[in-house]
Amino acid sequence: MAGHFEATPDGGAAVALDEVEISILRSLAVQLLELVGPGDEAADGADPLAALFVEGPSEPPSDPALARLFPDAYGDDDKELREASSEFRRFTEIDLRARKREDALAVVRSLDSLASGEDGDGGEGDGDGGESGEGGGGELRLTADQARQWLGTLNDLRLTIGTRLEVGDEDQGQEGSLYRLPDSDPRKPMVLAYLWLGALQETLLETLMS
């Protein structure tokens, strides 16, 4: 099971991670949280019903990675489509950002639980966090819901890193050149993370579809 997800009897997924892998995944998830931005929490005494109708931005983000995470819904082929995309974004981006934050937080919390050897309730045991092994690693076990949150965050991380590496949608599946980068290339660590996340994402998706 090392390096890839496998199905668990309860419909979830499990993967063996060592201490370094846990640290890398946690760091990437935290960076994703910072990129997506803080939550929009209602002020004390604010009307919760009114908060449901708060409008978000109408223009795509200027950061290319964020623009990849929050793309236009209908493209920009003509003025009518651009206006439709802006209207759609105004009423959906806040919720989409909140969901991405929630998924990334779930990843961080499950990794923290595994590293500390705690279960999902914060106590010692064999809960959803997994079984901690020697050296800070162990078997990460996820429920079906947690696995779907992980899948979302792995996808977001891949999109973000792929954007930084200038890997477009048309380049997906044609990544052989990335493997051939020399060790002296400053992009190499990011490339290795990108390819590793892709392997994790692929096996997790296969597990959830099985």
N, C-alpha and C. Protein backbone atom coordinates (compact mmCIF):
# COMPACT_ATOMS: atom_id res chain seq x y z
N MET A 1 0.82 -1.21 0.00
CA MET A 1 0.00 0.00 0.00
C MET A 1 0.86 1.26 0.00
N ALA A 2 2.17 1.14 0.23
CA ALA A 2 3.02 2.32 0.30
C ALA A 2 2.95 3.10 -1.00
N GLY A 3 2.66 4.40 -0.88
CA GLY A 3 2.68 5.26 -2.04
C GLY A 3 1.38 5.34 -2.82
N HIS A 4 0.39 4.53 -2.46
CA HIS A 4 -0.88 4.63 -3.17
C HIS A 4 -2.03 4.23 -2.26
N PHE A 5 -3.21 4.74 -2.59
CA PHE A 5 -4.40 4.47 -1.79
C PHE A 5 -4.99 3.10 -2.13
N GLU A 6 -5.58 2.49 -1.12
CA GLU A 6 -6.33 1.25 -1.30
C GLU A 6 -7.66 1.38 -0.57
N ALA A 7 -8.64 0.62 -1.03
CA ALA A 7 -9.98 0.68 -0.44
C ALA A 7 -9.99 0.05 0.94
N THR A 8 -10.85 0.54 1.80
CA THR A 8 -11.08 -0.04 3.12
C THR A 8 -12.50 -0.62 3.16
N PRO A 9 -12.76 -1.55 4.07
CA PRO A 9 -14.06 -2.22 4.10
C PRO A 9 -15.25 -1.28 4.29
N ASP A 10 -15.03 -0.12 4.91
CA ASP A 10 -16.14 0.80 5.18
C ASP A 10 -16.41 1.77 4.04
N GLY A 11 -15.77 1.55 2.89
CA GLY A 11 -15.99 2.43 1.75
C GLY A 11 -15.05 3.61 1.67
N GLY A 12 -14.09 3.67 2.59
CA GLY A 12 -13.12 4.74 2.59
C GLY A 12 -11.85 4.34 1.86
N ALA A 13 -10.73 4.92 2.28
CA ALA A 13 -9.45 4.66 1.64
C ALA A 13 -8.34 4.74 2.67
N ALA A 14 -7.23 4.08 2.37
CA ALA A 14 -6.08 4.09 3.27
C ALA A 14 -4.80 4.18 2.47
N VAL A 15 -3.79 4.82 3.06
CA VAL A 15 -2.50 4.94 2.41
C VAL A 15 -1.43 5.00 3.50
N ALA A 16 -0.28 4.40 3.23
CA ALA A 16 0.85 4.46 4.16
C ALA A 16 1.69 5.68 3.82
N LEU A 17 1.96 6.50 4.83
CA LEU A 17 2.76 7.71 4.65
C LEU A 17 3.87 7.74 5.69
N ASP A 18 5.07 8.15 5.25
CA ASP A 18 6.14 8.31 6.24
C ASP A 18 6.15 9.75 6.73
N GLU A 19 7.04 10.02 7.66
CA GLU A 19 7.07 11.32 8.32
C GLU A 19 7.31 12.46 7.32
N VAL A 20 8.21 12.23 6.37
CA VAL A 20 8.52 13.26 5.38
C VAL A 20 7.31 13.52 4.48
N GLU A 21 6.64 12.46 4.06
CA GLU A 21 5.46 12.62 3.20
C GLU A 21 4.34 13.37 3.92
N ILE A 22 4.16 13.06 5.20
CA ILE A 22 3.16 13.78 6.00
C ILE A 22 3.50 15.26 6.05
N SER A 23 4.76 15.56 6.29
CA SER A 23 5.19 16.95 6.39
C SER A 23 4.98 17.70 5.08
N ILE A 24 5.31 17.06 3.96
CA ILE A 24 5.16 17.71 2.65
C ILE A 24 3.69 17.96 2.35
N LEU A 25 2.86 16.95 2.56
CA LEU A 25 1.43 17.10 2.28
C LEU A 25 0.81 18.18 3.15
N ARG A 26 1.19 18.21 4.41
CA ARG A 26 0.63 19.22 5.32
C ARG A 26 1.06 20.62 4.89
N SER A 27 2.35 20.77 4.54
CA SER A 27 2.85 22.07 4.12
C SER A 27 2.13 22.55 2.86
N LEU A 28 1.93 21.66 1.91
CA LEU A 28 1.24 22.03 0.68
C LEU A 28 -0.21 22.42 0.95
N ALA A 29 -0.89 21.67 1.82
CA ALA A 29 -2.28 21.98 2.14
C ALA A 29 -2.39 23.33 2.84
N VAL A 30 -1.45 23.63 3.73
CA VAL A 30 -1.46 24.92 4.42
C VAL A 30 -1.21 26.05 3.42
N GLN A 31 -0.28 25.84 2.49
CA GLN A 31 -0.04 26.85 1.46
C GLN A 31 -1.27 27.07 0.59
N LEU A 32 -2.01 25.99 0.32
CA LEU A 32 -3.24 26.13 -0.45
C LEU A 32 -4.26 26.96 0.32
N LEU A 33 -4.37 26.73 1.62
CA LEU A 33 -5.26 27.53 2.45
C LEU A 33 -4.89 29.01 2.39
N GLU A 34 -3.61 29.29 2.44
CA GLU A 34 -3.15 30.68 2.37
C GLU A 34 -3.46 31.29 1.01
N LEU A 35 -3.34 30.49 -0.05
CA LEU A 35 -3.63 30.98 -1.40
C LEU A 35 -5.11 31.28 -1.58
N VAL A 36 -5.95 30.35 -1.13
CA VAL A 36 -7.40 30.52 -1.29
C VAL A 36 -7.90 31.68 -0.46
N GLY A 37 -7.29 31.89 0.71
CA GLY A 37 -7.65 33.04 1.53
C GLY A 37 -8.46 32.67 2.75
N PRO A 38 -8.56 33.59 3.71
CA PRO A 38 -9.29 33.33 4.95
C PRO A 38 -10.78 33.26 4.71
N GLY A 39 -11.48 32.66 5.67
CA GLY A 39 -12.93 32.56 5.57
C GLY A 39 -13.60 33.90 5.80
N ASP A 40 -14.79 34.06 5.25
CA ASP A 40 -15.58 35.27 5.45
C ASP A 40 -16.57 35.01 6.58
N GLU A 41 -16.10 35.25 7.81
CA GLU A 41 -16.93 34.97 8.97
C GLU A 41 -17.85 36.15 9.26
N ALA A 42 -19.10 35.83 9.58
CA ALA A 42 -20.06 36.89 9.88
C ALA A 42 -19.71 37.55 11.21
N ALA A 43 -19.93 38.84 11.27
CA ALA A 43 -19.67 39.57 12.51
C ALA A 43 -20.68 39.18 13.57
N ASP A 44 -20.31 39.37 14.84
CA ASP A 44 -21.22 39.05 15.93
C ASP A 44 -22.53 39.83 15.76
N GLY A 45 -23.63 39.12 15.85
CA GLY A 45 -24.93 39.75 15.73
C GLY A 45 -25.41 39.94 14.31
N ALA A 46 -24.59 39.53 13.32
CA ALA A 46 -24.99 39.70 11.93
C ALA A 46 -26.13 38.75 11.59
N ASP A 47 -26.96 39.16 10.66
CA ASP A 47 -28.10 38.36 10.23
C ASP A 47 -27.59 37.19 9.39
N PRO A 48 -27.74 35.94 9.85
CA PRO A 48 -27.23 34.80 9.08
C PRO A 48 -27.94 34.63 7.75
N LEU A 49 -29.22 35.04 7.68
CA LEU A 49 -29.94 34.94 6.41
C LEU A 49 -29.36 35.90 5.38
N ALA A 50 -29.02 37.12 5.83
CA ALA A 50 -28.44 38.10 4.92
C ALA A 50 -27.10 37.62 4.38
N ALA A 51 -26.36 36.86 5.23
CA ALA A 51 -25.06 36.38 4.80
C ALA A 51 -25.15 35.44 3.61
N LEU A 52 -26.32 34.79 3.45
CA LEU A 52 -26.50 33.88 2.33
C LEU A 52 -26.51 34.61 1.00
N PHE A 53 -26.79 35.90 1.02
CA PHE A 53 -26.94 36.66 -0.21
C PHE A 53 -25.78 37.63 -0.44
N VAL A 54 -24.69 37.43 0.30
CA VAL A 54 -23.51 38.25 0.08
C VAL A 54 -22.92 37.92 -1.29
N GLU A 55 -22.63 38.96 -2.05
CA GLU A 55 -22.10 38.77 -3.39
C GLU A 55 -20.58 38.71 -3.37
N GLY A 56 -20.05 37.86 -4.23
CA GLY A 56 -18.61 37.74 -4.37
C GLY A 56 -18.10 38.58 -5.52
N PRO A 57 -16.85 38.36 -5.91
CA PRO A 57 -16.26 39.14 -7.01
C PRO A 57 -16.89 38.77 -8.34
N SER A 58 -16.85 39.71 -9.27
CA SER A 58 -17.40 39.45 -10.61
C SER A 58 -16.30 39.21 -11.64
N GLU A 59 -15.04 39.50 -11.27
CA GLU A 59 -13.93 39.32 -12.18
C GLU A 59 -13.05 38.16 -11.71
N PRO A 60 -12.41 37.44 -12.64
CA PRO A 60 -11.53 36.34 -12.24
C PRO A 60 -10.32 36.86 -11.49
N PRO A 61 -9.70 36.03 -10.63
CA PRO A 61 -8.51 36.46 -9.87
C PRO A 61 -7.36 36.80 -10.81
N SER A 62 -6.49 37.71 -10.36
CA SER A 62 -5.34 38.08 -11.16
C SER A 62 -4.22 37.05 -11.08
N ASP A 63 -4.15 36.31 -9.96
CA ASP A 63 -3.14 35.26 -9.81
C ASP A 63 -3.51 34.10 -10.74
N PRO A 64 -2.60 33.68 -11.63
CA PRO A 64 -2.92 32.59 -12.57
C PRO A 64 -3.36 31.30 -11.89
N ALA A 65 -2.75 31.00 -10.73
CA ALA A 65 -3.13 29.77 -10.02
C ALA A 65 -4.56 29.86 -9.49
N LEU A 66 -4.91 31.00 -8.92
CA LEU A 66 -6.28 31.19 -8.44
C LEU A 66 -7.26 31.20 -9.60
N ALA A 67 -6.86 31.78 -10.73
CA ALA A 67 -7.73 31.79 -11.90
C ALA A 67 -7.97 30.37 -12.40
N ARG A 68 -7.00 29.48 -12.18
CA ARG A 68 -7.16 28.07 -12.56
C ARG A 68 -8.09 27.36 -11.59
N LEU A 69 -8.02 27.74 -10.31
CA LEU A 69 -8.89 27.13 -9.31
C LEU A 69 -10.32 27.65 -9.41
N PHE A 70 -10.46 28.89 -9.86
CA PHE A 70 -11.78 29.52 -9.97
C PHE A 70 -11.97 30.06 -11.38
N PRO A 71 -12.10 29.16 -12.36
CA PRO A 71 -12.18 29.60 -13.76
C PRO A 71 -13.54 30.20 -14.08
N ASP A 72 -13.59 30.92 -15.20
CA ASP A 72 -14.86 31.42 -15.70
C ASP A 72 -15.75 30.25 -16.08
N ALA A 73 -17.02 30.39 -15.81
CA ALA A 73 -17.96 29.29 -16.06
C ALA A 73 -18.24 29.08 -17.54
N TYR A 74 -18.23 30.16 -18.31
CA TYR A 74 -18.67 30.06 -19.70
C TYR A 74 -17.65 30.55 -20.70
N GLY A 75 -16.41 30.73 -20.30
CA GLY A 75 -15.41 31.20 -21.24
C GLY A 75 -15.54 32.69 -21.49
N ASP A 76 -14.74 33.18 -22.44
CA ASP A 76 -14.77 34.62 -22.73
C ASP A 76 -14.83 34.88 -24.23
N ASP A 77 -15.58 34.04 -24.93
CA ASP A 77 -15.63 34.16 -26.38
C ASP A 77 -16.32 35.42 -26.86
N ASP A 78 -17.32 35.87 -26.15
CA ASP A 78 -18.01 37.09 -26.55
C ASP A 78 -18.54 37.82 -25.32
N LYS A 79 -19.06 39.00 -25.54
CA LYS A 79 -19.50 39.85 -24.44
C LYS A 79 -20.60 39.19 -23.62
N GLU A 80 -21.54 38.53 -24.28
CA GLU A 80 -22.65 37.90 -23.57
C GLU A 80 -22.17 36.80 -22.64
N LEU A 81 -21.21 35.99 -23.12
CA LEU A 81 -20.66 34.92 -22.28
C LEU A 81 -19.86 35.49 -21.11
N ARG A 82 -19.12 36.56 -21.35
CA ARG A 82 -18.35 37.17 -20.27
C ARG A 82 -19.27 37.72 -19.19
N GLU A 83 -20.37 38.32 -19.60
CA GLU A 83 -21.32 38.85 -18.63
C GLU A 83 -21.97 37.72 -17.83
N ALA A 84 -22.29 36.61 -18.52
CA ALA A 84 -22.87 35.46 -17.82
C ALA A 84 -21.88 34.87 -16.82
N SER A 85 -20.61 34.80 -17.20
CA SER A 85 -19.57 34.29 -16.30
C SER A 85 -19.43 35.17 -15.06
N SER A 86 -19.45 36.49 -15.29
CA SER A 86 -19.33 37.43 -14.17
C SER A 86 -20.48 37.28 -13.19
N GLU A 87 -21.69 37.13 -13.73
CA GLU A 87 -22.87 36.97 -12.88
C GLU A 87 -22.80 35.67 -12.10
N PHE A 88 -22.39 34.61 -12.77
CA PHE A 88 -22.27 33.31 -12.11
C PHE A 88 -21.23 33.37 -11.00
N ARG A 89 -20.09 34.02 -11.28
CA ARG A 89 -19.02 34.11 -10.29
C ARG A 89 -19.47 34.87 -9.05
N ARG A 90 -20.23 35.94 -9.23
CA ARG A 90 -20.68 36.76 -8.10
C ARG A 90 -21.41 35.95 -7.05
N PHE A 91 -22.15 34.93 -7.51
CA PHE A 91 -23.00 34.18 -6.57
C PHE A 91 -22.47 32.78 -6.24
N THR A 92 -21.31 32.42 -6.76
CA THR A 92 -20.78 31.07 -6.50
C THR A 92 -19.38 31.05 -5.92
N GLU A 93 -18.56 32.08 -6.17
CA GLU A 93 -17.15 31.97 -5.80
C GLU A 93 -16.95 31.91 -4.29
N ILE A 94 -17.74 32.65 -3.53
CA ILE A 94 -17.59 32.61 -2.07
C ILE A 94 -17.81 31.20 -1.54
N ASP A 95 -18.87 30.55 -2.00
CA ASP A 95 -19.15 29.18 -1.55
C ASP A 95 -18.07 28.22 -2.02
N LEU A 96 -17.59 28.41 -3.24
CA LEU A 96 -16.55 27.52 -3.77
C LEU A 96 -15.25 27.67 -2.98
N ARG A 97 -14.90 28.90 -2.65
CA ARG A 97 -13.71 29.10 -1.83
C ARG A 97 -13.87 28.46 -0.45
N ALA A 98 -15.06 28.59 0.13
CA ALA A 98 -15.31 28.00 1.45
C ALA A 98 -15.17 26.49 1.39
N ARG A 99 -15.66 25.88 0.31
CA ARG A 99 -15.57 24.43 0.19
C ARG A 99 -14.11 23.99 0.04
N LYS A 100 -13.35 24.72 -0.73
CA LYS A 100 -11.94 24.36 -0.91
C LYS A 100 -11.18 24.52 0.41
N ARG A 101 -11.51 25.56 1.19
CA ARG A 101 -10.88 25.72 2.51
C ARG A 101 -11.25 24.56 3.41
N GLU A 102 -12.52 24.17 3.40
CA GLU A 102 -12.97 23.08 4.26
C GLU A 102 -12.27 21.78 3.91
N ASP A 103 -12.11 21.52 2.61
CA ASP A 103 -11.43 20.30 2.18
C ASP A 103 -9.96 20.32 2.60
N ALA A 104 -9.29 21.45 2.40
CA ALA A 104 -7.88 21.53 2.76
C ALA A 104 -7.68 21.42 4.27
N LEU A 105 -8.59 22.02 5.04
CA LEU A 105 -8.51 21.89 6.50
C LEU A 105 -8.69 20.44 6.93
N ALA A 106 -9.57 19.72 6.25
CA ALA A 106 -9.78 18.30 6.58
C ALA A 106 -8.51 17.50 6.33
N VAL A 107 -7.78 17.85 5.27
CA VAL A 107 -6.51 17.18 4.98
C VAL A 107 -5.50 17.47 6.09
N VAL A 108 -5.37 18.73 6.48
CA VAL A 108 -4.43 19.11 7.53
C VAL A 108 -4.76 18.39 8.84
N ARG A 109 -6.04 18.37 9.19
CA ARG A 109 -6.44 17.75 10.46
C ARG A 109 -6.20 16.25 10.45
N SER A 110 -6.46 15.59 9.34
CA SER A 110 -6.24 14.14 9.31
C SER A 110 -4.75 13.82 9.37
N LEU A 111 -3.92 14.64 8.75
CA LEU A 111 -2.48 14.44 8.82
C LEU A 111 -1.96 14.70 10.23
N ASP A 112 -2.49 15.74 10.89
CA ASP A 112 -2.10 16.01 12.27
C ASP A 112 -2.50 14.86 13.19
N SER A 113 -3.68 14.31 12.93
CA SER A 113 -4.15 13.19 13.74
C SER A 113 -3.25 11.97 13.56
N LEU A 114 -2.83 11.73 12.32
CA LEU A 114 -1.94 10.60 12.06
C LEU A 114 -0.59 10.81 12.72
N ALA A 115 -0.05 12.01 12.60
CA ALA A 115 1.27 12.29 13.16
C ALA A 115 1.29 12.18 14.67
N SER A 116 0.15 12.52 15.31
CA SER A 116 0.09 12.48 16.77
C SER A 116 -0.39 11.14 17.30
N GLY A 117 -0.89 10.29 16.40
CA GLY A 117 -1.42 9.00 16.84
C GLY A 117 -2.78 9.09 17.47
N GLU A 118 -3.49 10.21 17.24
CA GLU A 118 -4.82 10.37 17.82
C GLU A 118 -5.88 9.90 16.85
N ASP A 119 -7.06 9.58 17.41
CA ASP A 119 -8.19 9.24 16.56
C ASP A 119 -8.96 10.51 16.25
N GLY A 120 -10.09 10.37 15.55
CA GLY A 120 -10.86 11.52 15.13
C GLY A 120 -11.42 12.33 16.27
N ASP A 121 -11.53 11.77 17.48
CA ASP A 121 -12.07 12.50 18.62
C ASP A 121 -11.00 13.14 19.47
N GLY A 122 -9.73 13.01 19.02
CA GLY A 122 -8.64 13.63 19.77
C GLY A 122 -8.05 12.72 20.83
N GLY A 123 -8.48 11.47 20.89
CA GLY A 123 -7.94 10.56 21.88
C GLY A 123 -7.03 9.54 21.24
N GLU A 124 -6.36 8.80 22.05
CA GLU A 124 -5.49 7.76 21.53
C GLU A 124 -6.33 6.60 21.04
N GLY A 125 -5.88 6.02 19.92
CA GLY A 125 -6.61 4.86 19.44
C GLY A 125 -6.52 4.72 17.95
N ASP A 126 -7.43 3.89 17.38
CA ASP A 126 -7.40 3.54 15.97
C ASP A 126 -8.56 4.18 15.24
N GLY A 127 -8.76 5.47 15.41
CA GLY A 127 -9.86 6.15 14.76
C GLY A 127 -9.54 6.48 13.32
N ASP A 128 -10.31 7.40 12.74
CA ASP A 128 -10.18 7.73 11.33
C ASP A 128 -8.83 8.31 10.98
N GLY A 129 -8.12 8.87 11.95
CA GLY A 129 -6.82 9.45 11.64
C GLY A 129 -5.84 8.42 11.14
N GLY A 130 -5.92 7.20 11.62
CA GLY A 130 -5.02 6.15 11.18
C GLY A 130 -4.18 5.64 12.32
N GLU A 131 -3.25 4.77 11.98
CA GLU A 131 -2.38 4.15 12.97
C GLU A 131 -0.98 4.71 12.82
N SER A 132 -0.50 5.38 13.85
CA SER A 132 0.83 5.96 13.81
C SER A 132 1.88 4.88 14.02
N GLY A 133 2.94 4.96 13.22
CA GLY A 133 4.01 3.99 13.34
C GLY A 133 5.28 4.63 13.85
N GLU A 134 6.36 3.90 13.83
CA GLU A 134 7.63 4.42 14.29
C GLU A 134 8.11 5.51 13.33
N GLY A 135 8.79 6.51 13.88
CA GLY A 135 9.33 7.56 13.04
C GLY A 135 8.32 8.60 12.63
N GLY A 136 7.10 8.59 13.19
CA GLY A 136 6.11 9.60 12.88
C GLY A 136 5.26 9.30 11.69
N GLY A 137 5.49 8.19 11.00
CA GLY A 137 4.66 7.80 9.87
C GLY A 137 3.56 6.85 10.30
N GLY A 138 2.85 6.32 9.35
CA GLY A 138 1.81 5.36 9.67
C GLY A 138 0.82 5.19 8.55
N GLU A 139 -0.26 4.54 8.87
CA GLU A 139 -1.32 4.28 7.89
C GLU A 139 -2.44 5.29 8.09
N LEU A 140 -2.67 6.10 7.09
CA LEU A 140 -3.74 7.07 7.12
C LEU A 140 -5.02 6.41 6.61
N ARG A 141 -6.04 6.42 7.45
CA ARG A 141 -7.33 5.83 7.05
C ARG A 141 -8.38 6.92 6.98
N LEU A 142 -9.08 6.97 5.88
CA LEU A 142 -10.08 8.00 5.63
C LEU A 142 -11.45 7.39 5.44
N THR A 143 -12.47 8.07 5.96
CA THR A 143 -13.84 7.69 5.65
C THR A 143 -14.11 8.08 4.21
N ALA A 144 -15.26 7.66 3.69
CA ALA A 144 -15.62 8.00 2.32
C ALA A 144 -15.71 9.52 2.13
N ASP A 145 -16.29 10.21 3.11
CA ASP A 145 -16.41 11.67 3.02
C ASP A 145 -15.03 12.33 3.06
N GLN A 146 -14.17 11.86 3.96
CA GLN A 146 -12.82 12.41 4.05
C GLN A 146 -12.04 12.16 2.76
N ALA A 147 -12.24 10.98 2.18
CA ALA A 147 -11.54 10.64 0.94
C ALA A 147 -11.94 11.59 -0.18
N ARG A 148 -13.22 11.96 -0.23
CA ARG A 148 -13.66 12.91 -1.26
C ARG A 148 -13.06 14.29 -1.01
N GLN A 149 -12.91 14.67 0.26
CA GLN A 149 -12.26 15.95 0.55
C GLN A 149 -10.80 15.92 0.14
N TRP A 150 -10.14 14.81 0.41
CA TRP A 150 -8.75 14.65 -0.01
C TRP A 150 -8.64 14.73 -1.52
N LEU A 151 -9.56 14.10 -2.22
CA LEU A 151 -9.51 14.11 -3.68
C LEU A 151 -9.61 15.54 -4.21
N GLY A 152 -10.51 16.33 -3.62
CA GLY A 152 -10.65 17.71 -4.03
C GLY A 152 -9.37 18.51 -3.79
N THR A 153 -8.75 18.33 -2.63
CA THR A 153 -7.54 19.08 -2.31
C THR A 153 -6.36 18.62 -3.16
N LEU A 154 -6.23 17.33 -3.39
CA LEU A 154 -5.16 16.85 -4.27
C LEU A 154 -5.30 17.44 -5.67
N ASN A 155 -6.52 17.53 -6.15
CA ASN A 155 -6.75 18.12 -7.46
C ASN A 155 -6.38 19.61 -7.45
N ASP A 156 -6.78 20.32 -6.39
CA ASP A 156 -6.45 21.75 -6.29
C ASP A 156 -4.94 21.97 -6.22
N LEU A 157 -4.25 21.11 -5.49
CA LEU A 157 -2.80 21.23 -5.40
C LEU A 157 -2.14 20.97 -6.75
N ARG A 158 -2.63 19.98 -7.46
CA ARG A 158 -2.09 19.69 -8.79
C ARG A 158 -2.31 20.86 -9.74
N LEU A 159 -3.50 21.44 -9.71
CA LEU A 159 -3.78 22.58 -10.58
C LEU A 159 -2.87 23.76 -10.25
N THR A 160 -2.69 23.99 -8.95
CA THR A 160 -1.87 25.12 -8.52
C THR A 160 -0.41 24.93 -8.92
N ILE A 161 0.15 23.77 -8.61
CA ILE A 161 1.55 23.51 -8.95
C ILE A 161 1.72 23.45 -10.45
N GLY A 162 0.76 22.84 -11.15
CA GLY A 162 0.82 22.77 -12.60
C GLY A 162 0.84 24.15 -13.24
N THR A 163 0.08 25.09 -12.66
CA THR A 163 0.09 26.46 -13.16
C THR A 163 1.44 27.11 -12.96
N ARG A 164 2.03 26.91 -11.77
CA ARG A 164 3.36 27.47 -11.51
C ARG A 164 4.41 26.88 -12.46
N LEU A 165 4.20 25.61 -12.85
CA LEU A 165 5.14 24.96 -13.78
C LEU A 165 4.76 25.22 -15.23
N GLU A 166 3.66 25.96 -15.44
CA GLU A 166 3.14 26.27 -16.77
C GLU A 166 2.75 24.99 -17.52
N VAL A 167 2.15 24.05 -16.78
CA VAL A 167 1.58 22.86 -17.37
C VAL A 167 0.10 23.12 -17.59
N GLY A 168 -0.34 23.23 -18.82
CA GLY A 168 -1.74 23.52 -19.13
C GLY A 168 -2.58 22.27 -19.22
N ASP A 169 -3.89 22.47 -19.38
CA ASP A 169 -4.80 21.33 -19.50
C ASP A 169 -4.44 20.45 -20.69
N GLU A 170 -3.94 21.08 -21.75
CA GLU A 170 -3.60 20.31 -22.95
C GLU A 170 -2.35 19.47 -22.75
N ASP A 171 -1.60 19.75 -21.68
CA ASP A 171 -0.36 19.02 -21.41
C ASP A 171 -0.57 17.83 -20.49
N GLN A 172 -1.78 17.71 -19.91
CA GLN A 172 -2.05 16.60 -18.99
C GLN A 172 -1.86 15.27 -19.73
N GLY A 173 -1.17 14.34 -19.08
CA GLY A 173 -0.93 13.03 -19.69
C GLY A 173 0.30 13.01 -20.57
N GLN A 174 0.96 14.16 -20.77
CA GLN A 174 2.17 14.23 -21.57
C GLN A 174 3.28 14.83 -20.72
N GLU A 175 3.58 14.15 -19.62
CA GLU A 175 4.47 14.71 -18.62
C GLU A 175 5.85 14.06 -18.63
N GLY A 176 6.15 13.34 -19.70
CA GLY A 176 7.44 12.66 -19.75
C GLY A 176 8.61 13.60 -19.63
N SER A 177 8.48 14.80 -20.20
CA SER A 177 9.58 15.75 -20.16
C SER A 177 9.87 16.20 -18.73
N LEU A 178 8.86 16.18 -17.87
CA LEU A 178 9.08 16.57 -16.49
C LEU A 178 9.98 15.58 -15.78
N TYR A 179 9.84 14.29 -16.10
CA TYR A 179 10.69 13.29 -15.48
C TYR A 179 12.15 13.47 -15.87
N ARG A 180 12.39 14.07 -17.04
CA ARG A 180 13.75 14.16 -17.56
C ARG A 180 14.48 15.43 -17.15
N LEU A 181 13.86 16.24 -16.30
CA LEU A 181 14.55 17.44 -15.84
C LEU A 181 15.79 17.06 -15.05
N PRO A 182 16.91 17.73 -15.27
CA PRO A 182 18.12 17.43 -14.49
C PRO A 182 17.95 17.85 -13.03
N ASP A 183 18.70 17.22 -12.16
CA ASP A 183 18.60 17.53 -10.74
C ASP A 183 18.97 18.97 -10.44
N SER A 184 19.75 19.58 -11.31
CA SER A 184 20.17 20.96 -11.09
C SER A 184 19.08 21.97 -11.41
N ASP A 185 18.02 21.53 -12.07
CA ASP A 185 16.93 22.44 -12.43
C ASP A 185 16.18 22.86 -11.17
N PRO A 186 16.02 24.16 -10.92
CA PRO A 186 15.36 24.61 -9.68
C PRO A 186 13.90 24.18 -9.60
N ARG A 187 13.32 23.77 -10.72
CA ARG A 187 11.92 23.32 -10.71
C ARG A 187 11.77 21.87 -10.27
N LYS A 188 12.87 21.17 -10.14
CA LYS A 188 12.81 19.72 -9.91
C LYS A 188 12.00 19.34 -8.67
N PRO A 189 12.22 19.99 -7.49
CA PRO A 189 11.41 19.62 -6.31
C PRO A 189 9.91 19.81 -6.55
N MET A 190 9.55 20.90 -7.23
CA MET A 190 8.15 21.14 -7.51
C MET A 190 7.59 20.11 -8.48
N VAL A 191 8.41 19.71 -9.45
CA VAL A 191 7.99 18.69 -10.41
C VAL A 191 7.76 17.36 -9.71
N LEU A 192 8.67 16.99 -8.82
CA LEU A 192 8.53 15.73 -8.10
C LEU A 192 7.25 15.73 -7.26
N ALA A 193 6.95 16.87 -6.61
CA ALA A 193 5.72 16.97 -5.84
C ALA A 193 4.50 16.86 -6.75
N TYR A 194 4.56 17.50 -7.91
CA TYR A 194 3.46 17.47 -8.87
C TYR A 194 3.17 16.04 -9.32
N LEU A 195 4.22 15.30 -9.66
CA LEU A 195 4.04 13.92 -10.14
C LEU A 195 3.57 13.00 -9.02
N TRP A 196 4.09 13.20 -7.82
CA TRP A 196 3.68 12.38 -6.67
C TRP A 196 2.21 12.62 -6.34
N LEU A 197 1.80 13.87 -6.32
CA LEU A 197 0.40 14.19 -6.05
C LEU A 197 -0.50 13.58 -7.11
N GLY A 198 -0.02 13.56 -8.35
CA GLY A 198 -0.81 12.95 -9.41
C GLY A 198 -1.02 11.47 -9.18
N ALA A 199 0.01 10.77 -8.71
CA ALA A 199 -0.12 9.35 -8.42
C ALA A 199 -1.09 9.11 -7.27
N LEU A 200 -0.99 9.92 -6.22
CA LEU A 200 -1.92 9.80 -5.10
C LEU A 200 -3.36 10.06 -5.57
N GLN A 201 -3.54 11.11 -6.36
CA GLN A 201 -4.87 11.46 -6.84
C GLN A 201 -5.46 10.33 -7.69
N GLU A 202 -4.65 9.76 -8.56
CA GLU A 202 -5.13 8.71 -9.46
C GLU A 202 -5.57 7.48 -8.67
N THR A 203 -4.74 7.04 -7.70
CA THR A 203 -5.11 5.84 -6.95
C THR A 203 -6.29 6.09 -6.03
N LEU A 204 -6.41 7.31 -5.49
CA LEU A 204 -7.56 7.63 -4.64
C LEU A 204 -8.84 7.63 -5.48
N LEU A 205 -8.78 8.19 -6.67
CA LEU A 205 -9.95 8.22 -7.55
C LEU A 205 -10.36 6.79 -7.92
N GLU A 206 -9.38 5.96 -8.25
CA GLU A 206 -9.67 4.56 -8.59
C GLU A 206 -10.32 3.84 -7.41
N THR A 207 -9.82 4.16 -6.19
CA THR A 207 -10.38 3.53 -4.99
C THR A 207 -11.83 3.93 -4.79
N LEU A 208 -12.14 5.20 -4.97
CA LEU A 208 -13.51 5.67 -4.76
C LEU A 208 -14.46 5.16 -5.84
N MET A 209 -13.93 4.86 -7.01
CA MET A 209 -14.77 4.38 -8.12
C MET A 209 -14.92 2.87 -8.12
N SER A 210 -14.15 2.18 -7.28
CA SER A 210 -14.19 0.72 -7.29
C SER A 210 -15.40 0.19 -6.52
